[in-house]
């Protein structure tokens, strides 16, 4: 009764292969164009089979995987990793992207800027750096 299926919906496969946490998130990603199959956009009801090439964009990274197996159930990660094989070119691109992301400056900003922050930003944008009075009346 538990025979392997020959075709499976792409959103269900993406969920079972653990690319997305829920099936609805996988379906939204497919609908928004973040998932392509054999170079073309697909709908969430598109069926996948062994040998299909799927490109998945997750944040700044792009995974290019070949479908090796099908599963309608979400199992443990080691089992899910056997459902696909990522291409070598995709692994290299992701490694380069990860290195570039490490080199980017990290922002210390948290939340919305305060009124003081907005005024300083406005001063920098205008190109003026006017002296600001401190709380004690003298200039900084």
C-alpha atoms as a PDB file:
ATOM      1  CA  UNK A   1       0.000   0.000   0.000  1.00  0.00           C
ATOM      2  CA  UNK A   2       2.957   2.375   0.647  1.00  0.00           C
ATOM      3  CA  UNK A   3       4.398   2.189  -2.849  1.00  0.00           C
ATOM      4  CA  UNK A   4       6.467   5.167  -4.047  1.00  0.00           C
ATOM      5  CA  UNK A   5       4.604   7.617  -6.247  1.00  0.00           C
ATOM      6  CA  UNK A   6       5.906   8.408  -9.731  1.00  0.00           C
ATOM      7  CA  UNK A   7       4.708  12.024  -9.647  1.00  0.00           C
ATOM      8  CA  UNK A   8       4.156  14.470  -6.790  1.00  0.00           C
ATOM      9  CA  UNK A   9       3.046  18.110  -6.517  1.00  0.00           C
ATOM     10  CA  UNK A  10       6.020  20.466  -6.412  1.00  0.00           C
ATOM     11  CA  UNK A  11       4.876  22.276  -3.268  1.00  0.00           C
ATOM     12  CA  UNK A  12       4.518  18.987  -1.416  1.00  0.00           C
ATOM     13  CA  UNK A  13       7.944  17.806  -2.620  1.00  0.00           C
ATOM     14  CA  UNK A  14       9.627  21.065  -1.556  1.00  0.00           C
ATOM     15  CA  UNK A  15       8.061  20.706   1.880  1.00  0.00           C
ATOM     16  CA  UNK A  16       9.043  17.030   2.189  1.00  0.00           C
ATOM     17  CA  UNK A  17      12.615  17.812   1.031  1.00  0.00           C
ATOM     18  CA  UNK A  18      12.780  20.429   3.828  1.00  0.00           C
ATOM     19  CA  UNK A  19      13.406  23.484   1.671  1.00  0.00           C
ATOM     20  CA  UNK A  20      10.418  25.168   3.335  1.00  0.00           C
ATOM     21  CA  UNK A  21       9.030  24.813   6.853  1.00  0.00           C
ATOM     22  CA  UNK A  22       5.371  24.494   5.830  1.00  0.00           C
ATOM     23  CA  UNK A  23       3.589  23.434   2.697  1.00  0.00           C
ATOM     24  CA  UNK A  24       1.767  26.769   2.454  1.00  0.00           C
ATOM     25  CA  UNK A  25       5.100  28.652   2.505  1.00  0.00           C
ATOM     26  CA  UNK A  26       6.330  26.338  -0.251  1.00  0.00           C
ATOM     27  CA  UNK A  27       3.176  27.025  -2.277  1.00  0.00           C
ATOM     28  CA  UNK A  28       3.621  30.795  -1.815  1.00  0.00           C
ATOM     29  CA  UNK A  29       7.236  30.561  -2.986  1.00  0.00           C
ATOM     30  CA  UNK A  30       6.184  28.641  -6.091  1.00  0.00           C
ATOM     31  CA  UNK A  31       3.420  31.152  -6.871  1.00  0.00           C
ATOM     32  CA  UNK A  32       5.740  34.143  -6.401  1.00  0.00           C
ATOM     33  CA  UNK A  33       8.270  32.750  -8.891  1.00  0.00           C
ATOM     34  CA  UNK A  34      10.998  31.746  -6.457  1.00  0.00           C
ATOM     35  CA  UNK A  35      10.887  28.189  -7.808  1.00  0.00           C
ATOM     36  CA  UNK A  36      11.479  27.253 -11.446  1.00  0.00           C
ATOM     37  CA  UNK A  37      11.556  23.840 -13.034  1.00  0.00           C
ATOM     38  CA  UNK A  38      13.572  23.099 -16.167  1.00  0.00           C
ATOM     39  CA  UNK A  39      14.028  26.857 -16.656  1.00  0.00           C
ATOM     40  CA  UNK A  40      10.334  27.861 -16.531  1.00  0.00           C
ATOM     41  CA  UNK A  41       8.061  29.214 -13.797  1.00  0.00           C
ATOM     42  CA  UNK A  42       5.621  26.661 -12.455  1.00  0.00           C
ATOM     43  CA  UNK A  43       2.403  26.587 -10.499  1.00  0.00           C
ATOM     44  CA  UNK A  44       2.045  24.808  -7.173  1.00  0.00           C
ATOM     45  CA  UNK A  45       0.073  21.914  -8.695  1.00  0.00           C
ATOM     46  CA  UNK A  46       2.876  21.095 -11.178  1.00  0.00           C
ATOM     47  CA  UNK A  47       4.032  17.518 -10.755  1.00  0.00           C
ATOM     48  CA  UNK A  48       7.675  16.593 -10.338  1.00  0.00           C
ATOM     49  CA  UNK A  49       9.364  13.336 -11.087  1.00  0.00           C
ATOM     50  CA  UNK A  50      12.829  11.860 -10.793  1.00  0.00           C
ATOM     51  CA  UNK A  51      15.333  13.640 -13.017  1.00  0.00           C
ATOM     52  CA  UNK A  52      13.642  17.063 -13.008  1.00  0.00           C
ATOM     53  CA  UNK A  53      15.890  20.082 -12.489  1.00  0.00           C
ATOM     54  CA  UNK A  54      14.525  22.613  -9.965  1.00  0.00           C
ATOM     55  CA  UNK A  55      15.971  26.041  -9.123  1.00  0.00           C
ATOM     56  CA  UNK A  56      14.959  27.392  -5.700  1.00  0.00           C
ATOM     57  CA  UNK A  57      15.753  30.936  -4.503  1.00  0.00           C
ATOM     58  CA  UNK A  58      15.973  31.173  -0.709  1.00  0.00           C
ATOM     59  CA  UNK A  59      16.970  34.650   0.398  1.00  0.00           C
ATOM     60  CA  UNK A  60      20.214  35.623  -1.318  1.00  0.00           C
ATOM     61  CA  UNK A  61      21.014  32.001  -2.198  1.00  0.00           C
ATOM     62  CA  UNK A  62      19.955  29.964  -5.201  1.00  0.00           C
ATOM     63  CA  UNK A  63      19.807  26.158  -5.016  1.00  0.00           C
ATOM     64  CA  UNK A  64      19.885  24.172  -8.242  1.00  0.00           C
ATOM     65  CA  UNK A  65      18.824  20.606  -7.471  1.00  0.00           C
ATOM     66  CA  UNK A  66      18.016  17.459  -9.387  1.00  0.00           C
ATOM     67  CA  UNK A  67      15.123  15.390  -8.070  1.00  0.00           C
ATOM     68  CA  UNK A  68      16.270  11.885  -7.141  1.00  0.00           C
ATOM     69  CA  UNK A  69      13.275  10.616  -5.214  1.00  0.00           C
ATOM     70  CA  UNK A  70       9.747  11.475  -4.177  1.00  0.00           C
ATOM     71  CA  UNK A  71       8.126  11.496  -0.782  1.00  0.00           C
ATOM     72  CA  UNK A  72       4.743  12.776   0.299  1.00  0.00           C
ATOM     73  CA  UNK A  73       5.797  12.714   3.956  1.00  0.00           C
ATOM     74  CA  UNK A  74       8.122  15.102   5.735  1.00  0.00           C
ATOM     75  CA  UNK A  75      10.729  12.964   7.421  1.00  0.00           C
ATOM     76  CA  UNK A  76      14.035  13.528   9.159  1.00  0.00           C
ATOM     77  CA  UNK A  77      16.658  15.717   7.461  1.00  0.00           C
ATOM     78  CA  UNK A  78      18.993  12.844   6.463  1.00  0.00           C
ATOM     79  CA  UNK A  79      16.103  11.133   4.665  1.00  0.00           C
ATOM     80  CA  UNK A  80      15.010  14.404   3.036  1.00  0.00           C
ATOM     81  CA  UNK A  81      18.525  15.031   1.697  1.00  0.00           C
ATOM     82  CA  UNK A  82      18.330  11.769  -0.241  1.00  0.00           C
ATOM     83  CA  UNK A  83      15.417  13.156  -2.283  1.00  0.00           C
ATOM     84  CA  UNK A  84      17.664  15.514  -4.250  1.00  0.00           C
ATOM     85  CA  UNK A  85      21.212  16.198  -5.399  1.00  0.00           C
ATOM     86  CA  UNK A  86      22.517  19.748  -5.611  1.00  0.00           C
ATOM     87  CA  UNK A  87      24.678  20.524  -8.650  1.00  0.00           C
ATOM     88  CA  UNK A  88      28.351  21.354  -8.135  1.00  0.00           C
ATOM     89  CA  UNK A  89      27.951  24.745  -9.838  1.00  0.00           C
ATOM     90  CA  UNK A  90      25.155  25.614  -7.408  1.00  0.00           C
ATOM     91  CA  UNK A  91      27.294  24.670  -4.397  1.00  0.00           C
ATOM     92  CA  UNK A  92      30.155  26.844  -5.663  1.00  0.00           C
ATOM     93  CA  UNK A  93      27.856  29.839  -6.316  1.00  0.00           C
ATOM     94  CA  UNK A  94      26.396  29.568  -2.813  1.00  0.00           C
ATOM     95  CA  UNK A  95      29.890  29.360  -1.261  1.00  0.00           C
ATOM     96  CA  UNK A  96      30.989  32.494  -3.141  1.00  0.00           C
ATOM     97  CA  UNK A  97      27.779  34.283  -2.101  1.00  0.00           C
ATOM     98  CA  UNK A  98      28.333  33.291   1.544  1.00  0.00           C
ATOM     99  CA  UNK A  99      31.877  34.714   1.433  1.00  0.00           C
ATOM    100  CA  UNK A 100      30.608  37.965  -0.083  1.00  0.00           C
ATOM    101  CA  UNK A 101      27.928  38.230   2.604  1.00  0.00           C
ATOM    102  CA  UNK A 102      30.585  37.875   5.321  1.00  0.00           C
ATOM    103  CA  UNK A 103      32.502  40.823   3.846  1.00  0.00           C
ATOM    104  CA  UNK A 104      29.490  43.152   3.867  1.00  0.00           C
ATOM    105  CA  UNK A 105      29.373  45.596   6.764  1.00  0.00           C
ATOM    106  CA  UNK A 106      26.849  44.697   9.425  1.00  0.00           C
ATOM    107  CA  UNK A 107      24.477  47.391  10.571  1.00  0.00           C
ATOM    108  CA  UNK A 108      24.150  48.235  14.251  1.00  0.00           C
ATOM    109  CA  UNK A 109      20.759  49.835  13.728  1.00  0.00           C
ATOM    110  CA  UNK A 110      17.931  48.311  15.682  1.00  0.00           C
ATOM    111  CA  UNK A 111      14.372  49.443  15.219  1.00  0.00           C
ATOM    112  CA  UNK A 112      13.237  52.868  14.173  1.00  0.00           C
ATOM    113  CA  UNK A 113      15.577  55.851  14.394  1.00  0.00           C
ATOM    114  CA  UNK A 114      15.003  58.305  17.215  1.00  0.00           C
ATOM    115  CA  UNK A 115      14.248  61.960  16.603  1.00  0.00           C
ATOM    116  CA  UNK A 116      17.912  62.759  17.220  1.00  0.00           C
ATOM    117  CA  UNK A 117      18.994  60.064  14.743  1.00  0.00           C
ATOM    118  CA  UNK A 118      16.619  61.432  12.087  1.00  0.00           C
ATOM    119  CA  UNK A 119      18.045  64.931  12.519  1.00  0.00           C
ATOM    120  CA  UNK A 120      21.602  63.630  12.144  1.00  0.00           C
ATOM    121  CA  UNK A 121      20.624  61.680   9.048  1.00  0.00           C
ATOM    122  CA  UNK A 122      19.020  64.808   7.586  1.00  0.00           C
ATOM    123  CA  UNK A 123      22.192  66.800   8.285  1.00  0.00           C
ATOM    124  CA  UNK A 124      24.344  64.192   6.531  1.00  0.00           C
ATOM    125  CA  UNK A 125      22.020  64.023   3.533  1.00  0.00           C
ATOM    126  CA  UNK A 126      22.023  67.808   3.166  1.00  0.00           C
ATOM    127  CA  UNK A 127      25.803  67.766   3.322  1.00  0.00           C
ATOM    128  CA  UNK A 128      26.042  70.120   6.257  1.00  0.00           C
ATOM    129  CA  UNK A 129      27.580  69.266   9.519  1.00  0.00           C
ATOM    130  CA  UNK A 130      26.492  72.054  11.785  1.00  0.00           C
ATOM    131  CA  UNK A 131      27.731  72.146  15.361  1.00  0.00           C
ATOM    132  CA  UNK A 132      25.130  70.986  17.788  1.00  0.00           C
ATOM    133  CA  UNK A 133      24.647  72.424  21.234  1.00  0.00           C
ATOM    134  CA  UNK A 134      25.063  70.029  24.076  1.00  0.00           C
ATOM    135  CA  UNK A 135      22.861  69.938  27.152  1.00  0.00           C
ATOM    136  CA  UNK A 136      25.287  72.225  28.996  1.00  0.00           C
ATOM    137  CA  UNK A 137      25.076  75.037  26.433  1.00  0.00           C
ATOM    138  CA  UNK A 138      28.493  74.725  24.823  1.00  0.00           C
ATOM    139  CA  UNK A 139      29.169  73.353  21.348  1.00  0.00           C
ATOM    140  CA  UNK A 140      30.406  69.840  20.689  1.00  0.00           C
END
